[in-house]
N, C-alpha and C. Protein backbone atom coordinates (compact mmCIF):
# COMPACT_ATOMS: atom_id res chain seq x y z
N UNK A 1 -31.86 3.74 -27.85
CA UNK A 1 -32.69 4.04 -27.17
C UNK A 1 -33.27 4.63 -28.36
N UNK A 2 -35.02 3.41 -28.47
CA UNK A 2 -36.27 3.74 -29.92
C UNK A 2 -36.48 4.94 -29.33
N UNK A 3 -36.78 5.42 -30.33
CA UNK A 3 -37.68 7.39 -30.22
C UNK A 3 -39.15 7.04 -29.48
N UNK A 4 -39.66 5.62 -28.83
CA UNK A 4 -41.11 5.69 -28.72
C UNK A 4 -40.50 5.59 -26.80
N UNK A 5 -39.41 4.83 -26.94
CA UNK A 5 -39.12 4.38 -25.43
C UNK A 5 -38.73 6.12 -25.00
N UNK A 6 -38.14 7.13 -26.31
CA UNK A 6 -37.64 8.09 -25.35
C UNK A 6 -38.96 9.01 -25.05
N UNK A 7 -39.57 8.95 -25.83
CA UNK A 7 -40.79 9.56 -25.71
C UNK A 7 -41.79 8.78 -24.51
N UNK A 8 -41.51 8.05 -24.06
CA UNK A 8 -42.56 7.29 -22.80
C UNK A 8 -41.51 7.87 -21.58
N UNK A 9 -40.31 7.92 -21.96
CA UNK A 9 -39.47 8.26 -20.23
C UNK A 9 -40.47 10.09 -20.12
N UNK A 10 -39.91 10.47 -21.32
CA UNK A 10 -40.14 11.80 -21.19
C UNK A 10 -41.40 12.14 -20.14
N UNK A 11 -42.67 11.34 -21.01
CA UNK A 11 -44.49 11.41 -20.55
C UNK A 11 -43.88 11.22 -18.69
N UNK A 12 -43.02 10.09 -18.94
CA UNK A 12 -42.82 9.53 -17.24
C UNK A 12 -42.66 10.45 -17.00
N UNK A 13 -41.58 11.04 -17.16
CA UNK A 13 -40.96 12.00 -16.38
C UNK A 13 -41.94 13.46 -15.76
N UNK A 14 -42.49 14.39 -17.07
CA UNK A 14 -43.50 15.19 -16.74
C UNK A 14 -44.27 14.71 -15.48
N UNK A 15 -44.95 13.41 -15.87
CA UNK A 15 -46.46 13.02 -15.02
C UNK A 15 -45.48 12.51 -13.58
N UNK A 16 -44.47 12.13 -12.85
CA UNK A 16 -43.63 12.18 -11.42
C UNK A 16 -43.65 13.75 -11.43
N UNK A 17 -43.22 14.98 -12.69
CA UNK A 17 -43.10 16.03 -12.12
C UNK A 17 -44.25 16.64 -11.37
N UNK A 18 -45.14 16.82 -11.84
CA UNK A 18 -46.24 17.00 -11.56
C UNK A 18 -47.37 18.35 -12.18
N UNK A 19 -48.30 19.02 -11.73
CA UNK A 19 -48.51 20.44 -12.14
C UNK A 19 -47.40 21.24 -11.76
N UNK A 20 -47.80 21.26 -10.22
CA UNK A 20 -46.81 22.32 -9.31
C UNK A 20 -45.34 22.86 -9.78
N UNK A 21 -45.05 21.24 -10.34
CA UNK A 21 -43.33 21.71 -10.74
C UNK A 21 -43.47 22.22 -11.59
N UNK A 22 -44.70 22.14 -13.27
CA UNK A 22 -44.25 22.80 -14.46
C UNK A 22 -45.00 24.49 -13.49
N UNK A 23 -45.71 25.20 -12.42
CA UNK A 23 -45.85 25.57 -12.79
C UNK A 23 -45.76 26.67 -11.52
N UNK A 24 -44.11 26.08 -10.68
CA UNK A 24 -42.90 27.02 -10.62
C UNK A 24 -41.59 27.18 -11.42
N UNK A 25 -41.73 26.07 -12.65
CA UNK A 25 -40.86 26.42 -13.25
C UNK A 25 -41.30 27.43 -14.68
N UNK A 26 -42.30 28.13 -14.09
CA UNK A 26 -42.64 29.03 -14.87
C UNK A 26 -42.64 30.75 -14.47
N UNK A 27 -42.35 31.23 -12.91
CA UNK A 27 -41.32 32.14 -13.09
C UNK A 27 -40.66 32.41 -11.71
N UNK A 28 -39.85 33.13 -11.85
CA UNK A 28 -38.47 33.41 -10.98
C UNK A 28 -38.91 33.69 -9.26
N UNK A 29 -38.35 32.97 -8.72
CA UNK A 29 -38.85 33.85 -6.80
C UNK A 29 -38.56 35.09 -6.64
N UNK A 30 -36.83 34.34 -6.51
CA UNK A 30 -36.34 35.72 -7.05
C UNK A 30 -36.85 37.42 -7.65
N UNK A 31 -37.05 36.95 -8.76
CA UNK A 31 -37.23 37.89 -9.54
C UNK A 31 -38.56 38.78 -8.87
N UNK A 32 -39.86 37.52 -9.21
CA UNK A 32 -41.39 37.96 -8.09
C UNK A 32 -40.80 38.47 -7.06
N UNK A 33 -39.92 38.64 -5.91
CA UNK A 33 -39.88 39.33 -4.40
C UNK A 33 -39.20 40.62 -5.11
N UNK A 34 -38.73 41.30 -6.31
CA UNK A 34 -38.71 42.34 -6.51
C UNK A 34 -39.95 42.55 -7.84
N UNK A 35 -40.91 42.77 -8.05
CA UNK A 35 -42.22 42.55 -8.50
C UNK A 35 -43.06 42.85 -6.85
N UNK A 36 -42.83 42.28 -5.85
CA UNK A 36 -42.86 42.28 -5.24
C UNK A 36 -43.37 43.37 -3.77
N UNK A 37 -42.24 44.84 -4.36
CA UNK A 37 -41.70 45.57 -4.00
C UNK A 37 -43.53 46.67 -4.36
N UNK A 38 -43.57 46.91 -5.34
CA UNK A 38 -45.29 47.34 -6.14
C UNK A 38 -45.75 46.97 -5.04
N UNK A 39 -46.47 45.38 -4.81
CA UNK A 39 -46.89 45.31 -3.15
C UNK A 39 -47.46 45.77 -2.08
N UNK A 40 -45.82 45.43 -1.36
CA UNK A 40 -45.49 45.84 -0.16
C UNK A 40 -46.14 46.78 0.12
N UNK A 41 -46.29 47.92 -0.58
CA UNK A 41 -46.58 49.74 -0.09
C UNK A 41 -48.11 48.88 0.65
N UNK A 42 -48.68 47.66 0.07
CA UNK A 42 -50.17 47.71 1.06
C UNK A 42 -49.96 46.54 1.42
N UNK A 43 -49.36 45.52 1.45
CA UNK A 43 -49.53 43.90 1.71
C UNK A 43 -48.19 43.62 2.22
N UNK A 44 -48.29 42.09 3.21
CA UNK A 44 -47.43 41.83 3.84
C UNK A 44 -47.34 39.75 3.91
N UNK A 45 -45.74 39.41 3.81
CA UNK A 45 -45.96 38.18 3.11
C UNK A 45 -45.10 37.42 4.21
N UNK A 46 -44.54 36.72 4.82
CA UNK A 46 -43.72 35.44 5.79
C UNK A 46 -44.06 35.68 7.04
N UNK A 47 -43.45 35.06 7.81
CA UNK A 47 -42.96 34.95 9.16
C UNK A 47 -43.69 36.42 9.67
N UNK A 48 -44.68 36.68 10.46
CA UNK A 48 -45.36 37.69 11.54
C UNK A 48 -46.04 38.86 9.87
N UNK A 49 -46.16 38.35 8.99
CA UNK A 49 -47.29 39.36 8.08
C UNK A 49 -48.34 39.25 9.52
N UNK A 50 -48.79 40.49 9.41
CA UNK A 50 -49.83 41.44 9.15
C UNK A 50 -50.53 42.39 8.13
N UNK A 51 -51.69 42.34 8.59
CA UNK A 51 -52.62 43.22 7.28
C UNK A 51 -52.22 43.91 8.12
N UNK A 52 -52.51 45.31 6.73
CA UNK A 52 -51.93 45.86 7.01
C UNK A 52 -53.20 47.04 6.10
N UNK A 53 -53.20 47.64 4.96
CA UNK A 53 -53.80 48.14 3.83
C UNK A 53 -54.58 47.72 3.15
N UNK A 54 -53.44 46.49 2.51
CA UNK A 54 -55.12 44.95 1.82
C UNK A 54 -54.32 44.14 3.29
N UNK A 55 -54.59 42.91 2.77
CA UNK A 55 -54.79 41.74 3.75
C UNK A 55 -53.52 40.75 3.39
N UNK A 56 -52.68 40.32 4.64
CA UNK A 56 -51.62 39.36 4.57
C UNK A 56 -51.75 38.43 3.45
N UNK A 57 -50.53 38.41 3.47
CA UNK A 57 -50.52 37.08 1.35
C UNK A 57 -50.23 35.80 2.22
N UNK A 58 -49.80 35.68 3.27
CA UNK A 58 -49.61 34.10 3.23
C UNK A 58 -49.85 33.06 2.73
N UNK A 59 -50.26 32.88 2.32
CA UNK A 59 -50.81 30.83 1.51
C UNK A 59 -51.58 31.55 0.96
N UNK A 60 -51.91 32.80 0.64
CA UNK A 60 -52.48 33.21 -0.59
C UNK A 60 -53.49 32.66 -1.97
N UNK A 61 -52.93 31.95 -2.42
CA UNK A 61 -52.19 30.79 -3.55
C UNK A 61 -53.31 29.30 -2.96
N UNK A 62 -54.83 29.33 -3.01
CA UNK A 62 -55.43 27.65 -2.56
C UNK A 62 -56.75 28.33 -1.52
N UNK A 63 -56.61 29.62 -0.45
CA UNK A 63 -57.18 31.00 -0.06
C UNK A 63 -58.64 30.96 -0.70
N UNK A 64 -59.26 31.20 -0.59
CA UNK A 64 -60.55 31.68 -0.67
C UNK A 64 -61.04 33.27 -0.62
N UNK A 65 -61.21 34.08 -1.84
CA UNK A 65 -60.77 35.18 -1.66
C UNK A 65 -61.86 36.03 -0.15
N UNK A 66 -61.66 37.21 0.41
CA UNK A 66 -62.27 37.82 0.82
C UNK A 66 -61.91 36.84 2.83
N UNK A 67 -61.07 36.36 3.03
CA UNK A 67 -60.52 35.44 4.11
C UNK A 67 -59.54 35.04 5.32
N UNK A 68 -59.10 36.44 5.02
CA UNK A 68 -58.07 36.62 5.57
C UNK A 68 -58.37 36.95 6.60
N UNK A 69 -57.48 36.22 7.64
CA UNK A 69 -58.87 37.35 9.51
C UNK A 69 -57.85 38.43 9.51
N UNK A 70 -59.49 38.92 10.72
CA UNK A 70 -58.81 40.41 10.86
C UNK A 70 -58.63 41.01 9.93
N UNK A 71 -59.16 41.39 8.60
CA UNK A 71 -59.07 41.97 7.08
C UNK A 71 -60.73 42.43 7.24
N UNK A 72 -60.92 43.66 6.93
CA UNK A 72 -62.30 44.16 6.50
C UNK A 72 -61.98 44.41 4.77
N UNK A 73 -62.26 43.20 4.23
CA UNK A 73 -62.57 43.29 3.19
C UNK A 73 -63.96 43.95 2.38
N UNK A 74 -63.81 44.62 1.19
CA UNK A 74 -65.06 44.77 0.95
C UNK A 74 -65.94 44.02 0.42
N UNK A 75 -67.01 44.31 0.51
CA UNK A 75 -68.36 43.61 0.06
C UNK A 75 -68.31 42.17 -1.08
N UNK A 76 -67.56 43.41 -2.00
CA UNK A 76 -67.57 42.74 -3.74
C UNK A 76 -65.92 41.35 -3.73
N UNK A 77 -64.98 42.20 -2.70
CA UNK A 77 -64.81 40.70 -2.34
C UNK A 77 -64.45 39.70 -1.84
N UNK A 78 -65.46 40.12 -0.73
CA UNK A 78 -65.97 38.68 0.31
C UNK A 78 -66.48 37.58 -0.78
N UNK A 79 -67.60 38.46 -1.77
CA UNK A 79 -68.83 37.69 -1.67
C UNK A 79 -68.64 37.16 -3.19
N UNK A 80 -67.41 37.86 -3.91
CA UNK A 80 -66.52 36.98 -5.27
C UNK A 80 -66.90 35.45 -5.10
N UNK A 81 -66.28 34.86 -4.40
CA UNK A 81 -67.14 33.35 -5.11
C UNK A 81 -65.13 32.51 -5.36
N UNK A 82 -64.44 33.60 -5.31
CA UNK A 82 -63.36 32.95 -5.75
C UNK A 82 -62.46 32.23 -5.57
N UNK A 83 -62.22 31.22 -5.46
CA UNK A 83 -60.72 30.36 -4.65
C UNK A 83 -59.52 31.04 -5.50
N UNK A 84 -57.99 31.77 -4.95
CA UNK A 84 -56.96 32.28 -5.54
C UNK A 84 -56.43 30.44 -5.68
N UNK A 85 -56.75 30.38 -7.61
CA UNK A 85 -56.14 28.93 -7.60
C UNK A 85 -54.52 30.13 -8.92
N UNK A 86 -53.63 29.80 -9.59
CA UNK A 86 -52.99 31.03 -10.68
C UNK A 86 -54.43 31.11 -11.53
N UNK A 87 -55.22 30.43 -12.83
CA UNK A 87 -55.53 31.51 -12.74
C UNK A 87 -56.15 32.75 -12.48
N UNK A 88 -57.24 32.43 -11.46
CA UNK A 88 -57.98 33.48 -10.54
C UNK A 88 -57.07 34.57 -10.59
N UNK A 89 -55.22 34.24 -10.40
CA UNK A 89 -55.19 35.53 -8.83
C UNK A 89 -53.97 36.15 -10.59
N UNK A 90 -53.65 34.83 -11.97
CA UNK A 90 -53.07 36.27 -13.06
C UNK A 90 -54.56 37.31 -13.65
N UNK A 91 -55.82 36.41 -13.47
CA UNK A 91 -56.56 37.57 -14.10
C UNK A 91 -56.66 38.85 -12.85
N UNK A 92 -57.41 38.75 -12.07
CA UNK A 92 -56.84 39.52 -11.15
C UNK A 92 -55.98 40.17 -11.11
N UNK A 93 -54.66 39.79 -10.88
CA UNK A 93 -53.51 40.83 -10.74
C UNK A 93 -53.18 41.33 -11.72
N UNK A 94 -54.00 41.30 -12.90
CA UNK A 94 -53.43 42.27 -14.23
C UNK A 94 -54.50 43.21 -14.35
N UNK A 95 -56.11 43.27 -13.46
CA UNK A 95 -56.49 44.23 -13.84
C UNK A 95 -57.71 43.59 -12.11
N UNK A 96 -57.14 44.24 -11.70
CA UNK A 96 -58.15 43.66 -10.30
C UNK A 96 -59.65 44.41 -10.25
N UNK A 97 -60.10 45.54 -10.78
CA UNK A 97 -61.10 45.95 -10.64
C UNK A 97 -62.10 45.18 -11.84
N UNK A 98 -61.72 44.64 -12.90
CA UNK A 98 -62.32 44.00 -13.94
C UNK A 98 -62.35 42.73 -13.34
N UNK A 99 -62.05 42.02 -12.61
CA UNK A 99 -61.86 40.60 -11.77
C UNK A 99 -62.98 40.83 -11.34
N UNK A 100 -62.71 42.06 -9.91
CA UNK A 100 -63.92 42.35 -8.74
C UNK A 100 -64.24 43.44 -8.93
N UNK A 101 -65.54 43.24 -9.51
CA UNK A 101 -65.94 44.89 -9.75
C UNK A 101 -66.28 45.21 -8.23
N UNK A 102 -66.26 46.89 -7.48
CA UNK A 102 -66.46 46.55 -5.95
C UNK A 102 -65.31 46.38 -4.96
N UNK A 103 -64.02 45.96 -5.47
CA UNK A 103 -62.47 45.79 -4.83
C UNK A 103 -62.27 46.89 -4.83
N UNK A 104 -62.05 47.70 -3.39
CA UNK A 104 -61.34 48.06 -2.61
C UNK A 104 -59.93 47.98 -3.16
N UNK A 105 -59.05 47.89 -4.09
CA UNK A 105 -57.86 47.57 -4.39
C UNK A 105 -57.30 48.44 -5.42
N UNK A 106 -56.71 49.61 -5.15
CA UNK A 106 -56.26 50.01 -5.90
C UNK A 106 -55.86 50.35 -7.17
N UNK A 107 -54.59 48.95 -6.91
CA UNK A 107 -53.60 48.97 -8.05
C UNK A 107 -54.13 48.67 -9.05
N UNK A 108 -53.33 49.64 -10.12
CA UNK A 108 -53.72 49.31 -11.60
C UNK A 108 -53.58 48.17 -11.53
N UNK A 109 -53.07 47.68 -11.67
CA UNK A 109 -52.20 46.18 -12.17
C UNK A 109 -51.08 45.91 -12.94
N UNK A 110 -50.35 44.41 -12.77
CA UNK A 110 -49.38 44.15 -14.34
C UNK A 110 -49.31 43.80 -14.74
N UNK A 111 -49.56 44.20 -15.86
CA UNK A 111 -49.26 43.68 -17.48
C UNK A 111 -48.57 42.90 -18.34
N UNK A 112 -47.27 42.66 -17.56
CA UNK A 112 -46.96 41.56 -17.97
C UNK A 112 -46.73 40.55 -17.44
N UNK A 113 -47.16 39.43 -18.36
CA UNK A 113 -47.23 38.16 -18.18
C UNK A 113 -45.35 38.17 -17.16
N UNK A 114 -43.99 37.71 -17.48
CA UNK A 114 -43.41 37.69 -16.71
C UNK A 114 -43.24 37.98 -15.56
N UNK A 115 -43.72 39.35 -15.48
CA UNK A 115 -43.92 40.08 -13.73
C UNK A 115 -44.75 38.80 -12.97
N UNK A 116 -46.16 38.61 -14.11
CA UNK A 116 -47.67 37.87 -12.88
C UNK A 116 -46.77 36.15 -12.69
N UNK A 117 -45.91 35.91 -13.34
CA UNK A 117 -45.19 34.75 -12.92
C UNK A 117 -44.58 34.79 -12.34
N UNK A 118 -43.19 35.77 -11.92
CA UNK A 118 -42.71 35.67 -11.07
C UNK A 118 -43.15 35.46 -9.86
N UNK A 119 -43.92 36.85 -10.09
CA UNK A 119 -44.66 37.29 -8.28
C UNK A 119 -45.44 36.13 -7.96
N UNK A 120 -45.94 35.31 -8.24
CA UNK A 120 -46.68 33.63 -8.64
C UNK A 120 -45.30 32.68 -7.76
N UNK A 121 -44.23 32.84 -8.65
CA UNK A 121 -43.68 32.17 -8.02
C UNK A 121 -42.89 32.34 -6.32
N UNK A 122 -43.17 33.56 -5.84
CA UNK A 122 -42.47 34.50 -5.08
C UNK A 122 -43.61 34.12 -3.63
N UNK A 123 -45.34 34.40 -4.44
CA UNK A 123 -46.24 33.80 -3.54
C UNK A 123 -45.73 32.20 -3.29
N UNK A 124 -46.11 31.92 -4.24
CA UNK A 124 -46.54 30.17 -3.74
C UNK A 124 -45.53 29.45 -2.38
N UNK A 125 -44.06 30.47 -2.37
CA UNK A 125 -43.65 29.75 -1.16
C UNK A 125 -44.02 30.01 0.31
N UNK A 126 -44.54 30.87 -0.31
CA UNK A 126 -45.24 30.27 1.71
C UNK A 126 -46.38 30.18 2.09
N UNK A 127 -46.84 29.32 3.60
CA UNK A 127 -47.27 28.42 3.83
C UNK A 127 -48.61 29.65 4.18
N UNK A 128 -49.11 29.41 4.93
CA UNK A 128 -49.96 29.63 5.55
C UNK A 128 -50.17 30.36 6.15
N UNK A 129 -48.12 29.49 7.18
CA UNK A 129 -48.06 30.10 8.41
C UNK A 129 -46.71 31.29 8.22
N UNK A 130 -46.42 31.30 6.77
CA UNK A 130 -45.66 33.18 6.79
C UNK A 130 -43.80 31.62 6.27
N UNK A 131 -44.75 30.29 6.78
CA UNK A 131 -42.80 30.22 6.61
C UNK A 131 -42.61 29.22 5.25
N UNK A 132 -42.37 29.53 4.50
CA UNK A 132 -41.50 28.98 3.42
C UNK A 132 -41.24 27.79 2.93
N UNK A 133 -41.85 26.99 1.95
CA UNK A 133 -42.41 25.66 2.00
C UNK A 133 -41.06 24.99 1.95
């Protein structure tokens, strides 16, 4: 097989995988569940999750900030205009008060990229209904 054909096949495989496949490969959901132990003091996720000190996080990636039904958000969070994608979530979880000044979230942040990768992989497993995808 020629080098050009090999490169073309690899490029095709990447295209077929899509960006979601690449994003999922960045973190380990099992390790992310361990990281989530820091979050579950205030947040719930999964089937039957409810708002607690913080909003439930089912389907959080792709959701607009300040929109979990029944949760009393800060004005800063409701009016941030943010949709939680990977980039916005990464910036927020590293330093919540820097990303959304005036948020009532008191978490200091996750400084390690590997922890953020793993947490994202864990959170992305859950759809808006709390079921794993």
